[in-house]
Protein backbone atom coordinates (compact mmCIF):
# COMPACT_ATOMS: atom_id res chain seq x y z
CA MET A 1 -16.57 -21.20 -22.54
CA LEU A 2 -17.40 -17.50 -22.12
CA SER A 3 -18.49 -17.90 -18.50
CA LEU A 4 -15.43 -20.06 -17.82
CA MET A 5 -13.00 -17.35 -18.97
CA ILE A 6 -14.85 -14.67 -17.00
CA ALA A 7 -14.64 -16.81 -13.88
CA LYS A 8 -10.94 -17.49 -14.47
CA GLY A 9 -9.79 -13.90 -14.73
CA GLY A 10 -12.52 -11.53 -15.89
CA PHE A 11 -11.42 -11.59 -19.56
CA TYR A 12 -13.32 -13.03 -22.51
CA SER A 13 -13.94 -12.92 -26.27
CA THR A 14 -17.25 -12.71 -28.10
CA THR A 15 -18.44 -12.20 -31.67
CA THR A 16 -21.10 -9.73 -32.81
CA LYS A 17 -23.88 -10.55 -35.26
CA SER A 18 -21.88 -8.86 -38.02
CA GLY A 19 -18.92 -11.16 -37.36
CA LEU A 20 -16.78 -8.66 -35.49
CA GLN A 21 -14.70 -10.23 -32.73
CA VAL A 22 -14.55 -8.26 -29.48
CA ILE A 23 -11.82 -9.14 -26.98
CA ALA A 24 -12.24 -7.86 -23.42
CA LEU A 25 -9.19 -7.80 -21.14
CA ASN A 26 -9.01 -7.39 -17.37
CA THR A 27 -6.10 -4.99 -16.94
CA ILE A 28 -6.66 -4.83 -13.18
CA LEU A 29 -4.78 -8.15 -13.10
CA TRP A 30 -1.64 -6.18 -13.96
CA TYR A 31 -2.04 -3.68 -11.13
CA THR A 32 1.43 -3.70 -9.58
CA GLN A 33 0.24 -2.97 -6.03
CA ASP A 34 -2.06 -5.99 -5.90
CA LYS A 35 -0.37 -8.28 -3.38
CA GLN A 36 -2.32 -11.26 -4.70
CA ILE A 37 -0.55 -10.94 -8.05
CA GLY A 38 2.96 -10.76 -6.60
CA ASN A 39 5.69 -11.10 -9.21
CA LYS A 40 3.60 -13.01 -11.72
CA THR A 41 4.28 -11.83 -15.26
CA ASP A 42 1.06 -13.29 -16.67
CA PRO A 43 -1.67 -13.52 -13.99
CA SER A 44 -4.38 -16.05 -14.90
CA GLY A 45 -2.62 -16.70 -18.23
CA GLN A 46 -4.27 -13.67 -19.80
CA PHE A 47 -1.37 -12.80 -22.14
CA GLU A 48 -1.11 -16.38 -23.35
CA TRP A 49 -4.84 -16.47 -23.97
CA LEU A 50 -4.73 -13.13 -25.83
CA THR A 51 -1.90 -14.34 -28.06
CA THR A 52 -3.94 -17.42 -28.99
CA GLN A 53 -6.98 -15.27 -29.78
CA LEU A 54 -4.97 -12.97 -32.07
CA LYS A 55 -3.26 -15.85 -33.83
CA GLN A 56 -6.63 -17.37 -34.59
CA ALA A 57 -7.96 -14.02 -35.86
CA ARG A 58 -5.25 -13.17 -38.36
CA ASP A 59 -4.44 -14.76 -41.70
CA GLU A 60 -1.36 -16.89 -42.16
CA GLY A 61 1.82 -15.10 -43.25
CA ARG A 62 1.14 -11.75 -41.53
CA LYS A 63 4.03 -10.27 -39.50
CA ASP A 64 2.19 -8.54 -36.66
CA TYR A 65 -1.22 -8.10 -35.09
CA SER A 66 -1.88 -4.53 -36.20
CA ASP A 67 -3.79 -5.88 -39.19
CA VAL A 68 -6.43 -7.47 -36.94
CA ILE A 69 -6.58 -4.91 -34.11
CA THR A 70 -8.64 -1.98 -35.37
CA SER A 71 -9.14 -0.09 -32.10
CA THR A 72 -8.55 -0.41 -28.37
CA MET A 73 -10.81 1.11 -25.74
CA PHE A 74 -10.03 1.45 -22.05
CA GLY A 75 -12.21 2.24 -19.07
CA HIS A 76 -11.59 2.75 -15.35
CA GLU A 77 -9.79 6.00 -16.11
CA HIS A 78 -11.10 9.13 -14.39
CA THR A 79 -9.53 11.43 -16.96
CA ASP A 80 -10.20 11.70 -20.67
CA GLY A 81 -7.31 10.89 -22.97
CA PHE A 82 -5.98 8.91 -25.91
CA ARG A 83 -2.81 7.19 -27.10
CA VAL A 84 -1.34 6.28 -30.47
CA VAL A 85 0.51 3.03 -31.17
CA TYR A 86 3.24 3.28 -33.80
CA SER A 87 4.94 0.62 -35.89
CA LYS A 88 8.70 0.09 -35.72
CA GLN A 89 8.93 2.37 -38.75
CA GLY A 90 7.12 5.16 -36.89
CA LYS A 91 3.80 4.81 -38.69
CA PRO A 92 0.64 5.36 -36.61
CA ILE A 93 -1.25 2.07 -36.70
CA ILE A 94 -3.60 1.66 -33.71
CA PRO A 95 -5.62 4.28 -31.78
CA MET A 96 -6.18 3.86 -28.05
CA PHE A 97 -9.15 5.56 -26.39
CA LEU A 98 -9.17 6.20 -22.63
CA ALA A 99 -12.73 6.95 -21.64
CA PRO A 100 -13.35 8.81 -18.36
CA ALA A 101 -15.46 7.17 -15.68
CA VAL A 102 -19.12 7.64 -14.90
CA THR A 103 -17.99 7.79 -11.26
CA PRO A 104 -16.96 11.28 -10.12
CA TRP A 105 -13.70 11.45 -8.22
CA LYS A 106 -11.87 14.28 -6.54
CA SER A 107 -8.28 13.52 -5.62
CA HIS A 108 -5.95 15.73 -3.60
CA ARG A 109 -2.94 14.43 -5.49
CA PRO A 110 -1.48 17.21 -7.64
CA THR A 111 -1.34 15.26 -10.90
CA LEU A 112 -4.60 13.32 -10.67
CA ARG A 113 -7.33 15.70 -11.70
CA PRO A 114 -10.96 15.42 -10.52
CA ASN A 115 -13.65 14.59 -13.04
CA ASN A 116 -17.32 15.02 -13.72
CA PRO A 117 -19.37 11.86 -14.46
CA SER A 118 -19.26 10.88 -18.11
CA VAL A 119 -20.72 8.45 -20.66
CA ARG A 120 -19.24 7.82 -24.11
CA LEU A 121 -21.07 6.65 -27.22
CA TYR A 122 -18.84 5.28 -30.00
CA HIS A 123 -19.66 5.48 -33.69
CA TYR A 124 -18.02 2.57 -35.49
CA ASN A 125 -18.05 0.56 -38.69
CA LYS A 126 -19.98 -2.63 -37.95
CA THR A 127 -18.03 -4.61 -40.52
CA SER A 128 -14.44 -3.55 -39.86
CA GLY A 129 -14.83 -2.52 -36.23
CA GLU A 130 -13.01 0.76 -36.91
CA ILE A 131 -13.98 3.59 -34.57
CA LEU A 132 -15.07 6.51 -36.74
CA ASP A 133 -16.01 9.03 -34.06
CA TYR A 134 -17.52 9.24 -30.60
CA PHE A 135 -19.84 11.44 -28.56
CA GLN A 136 -18.69 12.35 -25.07
CA TYR A 137 -21.50 13.17 -22.64
CA TYR A 138 -21.06 14.54 -19.14
CA LEU A 139 -22.92 15.63 -16.04
CA ASN A 140 -22.00 18.96 -14.47
CA MET A 141 -21.94 17.96 -10.80
CA THR A 142 -21.97 21.53 -9.50
CA ALA A 143 -25.03 22.48 -11.55
CA ALA A 144 -26.76 19.16 -10.77
CA ASN A 145 -26.30 19.63 -7.01
CA LEU A 146 -27.64 23.18 -7.14
CA ALA A 147 -30.64 22.22 -9.26
CA ARG A 148 -31.08 18.86 -7.52
CA LYS A 149 -31.58 17.38 -10.96
CA ALA A 150 -29.28 15.57 -13.40
CA HIS A 151 -28.99 17.09 -16.86
CA TRP A 152 -26.60 15.26 -19.16
CA LEU A 153 -24.98 17.30 -21.93
CA LEU A 154 -22.83 16.62 -24.97
CA GLU A 155 -19.36 17.75 -23.95
CA TYR A 156 -17.60 17.29 -27.28
CA GLN A 157 -17.26 15.27 -30.46
CA PRO A 158 -13.63 14.84 -31.70
CA THR A 159 -14.31 15.40 -35.40
CA ALA A 160 -16.37 18.52 -34.70
CA ASN A 161 -14.40 20.05 -31.84
CA TYR A 162 -10.87 19.18 -32.95
CA GLY A 163 -11.52 19.63 -36.67
CA ILE A 164 -10.24 16.16 -37.70
CA ASN A 165 -11.70 13.81 -40.32
CA ASP A 166 -11.99 10.79 -38.02
CA VAL A 167 -10.37 9.27 -34.94
CA SER A 168 -8.06 6.87 -36.75
CA ALA A 169 -4.45 6.49 -35.62
CA LYS A 170 -3.35 8.74 -38.47
CA SER A 171 -5.78 11.51 -37.52
CA LEU A 172 -4.86 11.30 -33.82
CA ASP A 173 -1.18 11.51 -34.77
CA GLN A 174 -1.92 14.73 -36.66
CA LEU A 175 -3.89 15.98 -33.66
CA VAL A 176 -0.92 15.42 -31.33
CA LYS A 177 1.29 17.35 -33.77
CA SER A 178 -1.17 20.25 -33.57
CA PHE A 179 -0.80 20.11 -29.77
CA GLU A 180 2.93 20.76 -30.16
CA THR A 181 2.41 24.24 -31.55
CA PRO A 182 2.68 27.14 -29.05
CA SER A 183 -0.67 28.29 -27.62
CA SER A 184 -2.45 25.41 -29.36
CA GLU A 185 -6.22 25.88 -29.17
CA ASN A 186 -6.73 22.16 -29.68
CA PHE A 187 -4.52 21.37 -26.68
CA ARG A 188 -6.40 23.91 -24.57
CA LYS A 189 -9.63 22.09 -25.41
CA TYR A 190 -8.03 18.72 -24.70
CA TYR A 191 -6.94 19.85 -21.23
CA VAL A 192 -10.49 20.96 -20.40
CA TYR A 193 -11.90 17.65 -21.68
CA ASN A 194 -9.20 15.81 -19.71
CA SER A 195 -11.10 16.57 -16.47
CA VAL A 196 -14.50 16.12 -18.16
CA SER A 197 -14.98 19.90 -18.02
CA TYR A 198 -14.57 19.94 -14.24
CA ASP A 199 -11.66 22.37 -14.42
CA ASN A 200 -11.99 25.10 -17.04
CA VAL A 201 -9.54 27.48 -15.38
CA SER A 202 -6.19 25.75 -14.88
CA LYS A 203 -3.62 26.03 -17.64
CA CYS A 204 -1.18 23.37 -18.77
CA GLU A 205 1.85 24.87 -20.44
CA GLY A 206 5.56 24.20 -20.67
CA PHE A 207 6.59 21.02 -18.89
CA CYS A 208 3.02 20.12 -17.99
CA LYS A 209 2.17 20.01 -21.68
CA GLN A 210 5.21 17.87 -22.48
CA TYR A 211 4.15 15.23 -19.94
CA HIS A 212 0.78 14.88 -21.64
CA ILE A 213 2.23 14.75 -25.14
CA CYS A 214 4.80 12.12 -24.17
CA SER A 215 2.02 9.95 -22.75
CA MET A 216 0.13 10.18 -26.05
CA LEU A 217 3.13 9.23 -28.17
CA TYR A 218 4.61 6.41 -26.07
CA VAL A 219 2.56 3.63 -24.50
CA ASP A 220 5.59 1.78 -23.13
CA TYR A 221 6.69 3.25 -19.79
CA GLU A 222 10.42 3.21 -20.56
CA ASP A 223 9.82 4.99 -23.89
CA TYR A 224 7.59 7.48 -22.10
CA LYS A 225 10.26 8.06 -19.45
CA ASN A 226 12.90 8.66 -22.13
CA CYS A 227 10.60 11.15 -23.83
CA VAL A 228 10.12 13.03 -20.55
CA ASP A 229 13.86 13.02 -19.86
CA GLU A 230 14.49 14.58 -23.27
CA ARG A 231 11.80 17.23 -22.96
CA VAL A 232 11.94 18.00 -19.24
CA PRO A 233 15.41 18.79 -17.83
CA LYS A 234 16.24 17.12 -14.52
CA GLY A 235 16.07 19.57 -11.67
CA GLY A 236 14.14 21.99 -13.85
CA ALA A 237 10.71 23.45 -13.29
CA SER A 238 7.83 21.40 -12.01
CA ALA A 239 5.69 19.31 -14.30
CA TYR A 240 2.80 21.69 -13.74
CA ASP A 241 3.42 25.37 -14.27
CA ASP A 242 0.54 26.35 -12.02
CA GLY A 243 2.50 25.21 -8.97
CA ARG A 244 1.62 21.53 -8.84
CA HIS A 245 4.75 19.39 -8.63
CA CYS A 246 5.41 16.01 -10.14
CA ARG A 247 8.20 14.09 -11.82
CA TYR A 248 6.64 10.90 -13.09
CA TRP A 249 3.01 10.61 -12.08
CA HIS A 250 3.22 6.81 -12.32
CA ARG A 251 5.44 6.77 -9.23
CA LEU A 252 3.10 8.75 -7.02
CA HIS A 253 1.21 5.56 -6.27
CA ARG A 254 4.21 4.23 -4.36
CA VAL A 255 5.95 5.48 -1.23
CA PRO A 256 9.62 4.38 -1.02
CA LEU A 257 10.37 2.17 1.98
CA TYR A 258 13.15 4.42 3.28
CA LYS A 259 10.76 7.39 3.43
CA PHE A 260 8.26 5.35 5.39
CA VAL A 261 10.96 4.27 7.87
CA VAL A 262 12.21 7.85 8.29
CA VAL A 263 8.70 9.14 8.96
CA CYS A 264 8.07 6.40 11.54
CA LEU A 265 11.37 7.12 13.34
CA LEU A 266 10.60 10.83 13.45
CA ALA A 267 7.16 10.12 14.87
CA ILE A 268 8.68 7.93 17.60
CA LEU A 269 11.28 10.59 18.38
CA VAL A 270 8.61 13.28 18.73
CA CYS A 271 6.58 11.05 21.06
CA LEU A 272 9.63 10.39 23.24
CA LEU A 273 10.42 14.09 23.36
CA PHE A 274 6.92 14.94 24.53
CA PHE A 275 7.12 12.19 27.17
CA VAL A 276 10.43 13.52 28.54
CA ILE A 277 9.10 17.08 28.64
CA ALA A 278 5.92 15.99 30.39
CA LEU A 279 7.87 13.94 32.92
CA SER A 280 10.23 16.84 33.62
CA CYS A 281 7.37 19.26 34.14
CA GLY A 282 5.72 16.82 36.55
CA MET A 283 8.87 16.43 38.66
CA TRP A 284 9.37 20.21 38.81
CA ARG A 285 5.81 20.79 39.98
CA TYR A 286 6.24 18.09 42.66
CA THR A 287 9.51 19.47 44.12
CA SER A 288 8.29 23.06 44.03
CA ARG A 289 5.27 22.45 46.27
CA PRO A 290 5.38 23.76 49.96
CA THR A 291 6.37 21.23 52.61
CA SER A 292 2.94 21.40 54.20
CA GLN A 293 1.42 20.27 50.91
CA LEU A 294 3.75 17.33 50.39
CA PRO A 295 2.26 13.90 50.98
CA TYR A 296 3.26 12.19 54.25
CA ILE A 297 3.02 8.71 55.69
CA VAL A 298 1.60 7.91 59.14
CA LEU A 299 3.72 5.24 60.80
CA HIS A 300 2.21 2.88 63.35
CA ALA A 301 4.16 1.63 66.32
CA GLU A 302 5.04 -1.59 64.58
CA ASP A 303 6.35 0.36 61.58
CA LYS A 304 8.52 2.54 63.86
CA GLN A 305 10.06 -0.50 65.46
CA ILE A 306 10.83 -1.96 62.07
CA MET A 307 12.37 1.30 60.85
CA GLY A 308 14.18 2.02 64.14
């Protein structure tokens, strides 16, 4: 059954020796730019399968799934971050951990920061599955290239570096609140860890900071967008105070069709303009040559009779 689900869509469920159920999802199936997915709302039936798994895991009579989901962990991200899921009453209930990739990546996009390679080791309760803490290791690429040798280091540990008791949803909620304070030292650390200590110089203040905080508090895009609209005035300063511009970083992955058409038309216009200029220059050079240098045609007798 396990191999069948992996072959179907890359998602599966397994149980540890201690009885803890681990559900692995393939979120790449929901990548909006994948043309193979199209407009499918549930590619490969993954949502339906997940709902069945959660229903089987919880006791009868419960109202939601927060009682059976202890933690969620995400990979494929190149930046280090976390999210907090809240109940309808505003209570923090589920922590979300976004682990940075072991693959280094340097993007030229203003809002997608480069990262050093990283590996994360989670400390969890084997019975409940609750994540208690984690150890974030990293490889300084600059130092490794100079020394021609890899030396992995402990970058940070949330409980030690942020001064929190654990990494539960409640503790992460308190951590986000500490980020809100002006000149927050915890937020400064977070922004360094966000690039896996690749960038220790850039500052994230003002609107830049609000974008990060909104992403931590709201996992639904529309809620996130509303948070940004409330905190960042339209037409105001850029999202990044150090000169990097962005409105909603989610939309940078797409180029509007009208912009693409305009760029293509401009390119065609420029090519036509160069062609006209080149043709004009060629005609001017031809007519300006001395008569002795102009090409001539030698007519034979038969040609003269035809022309005469």
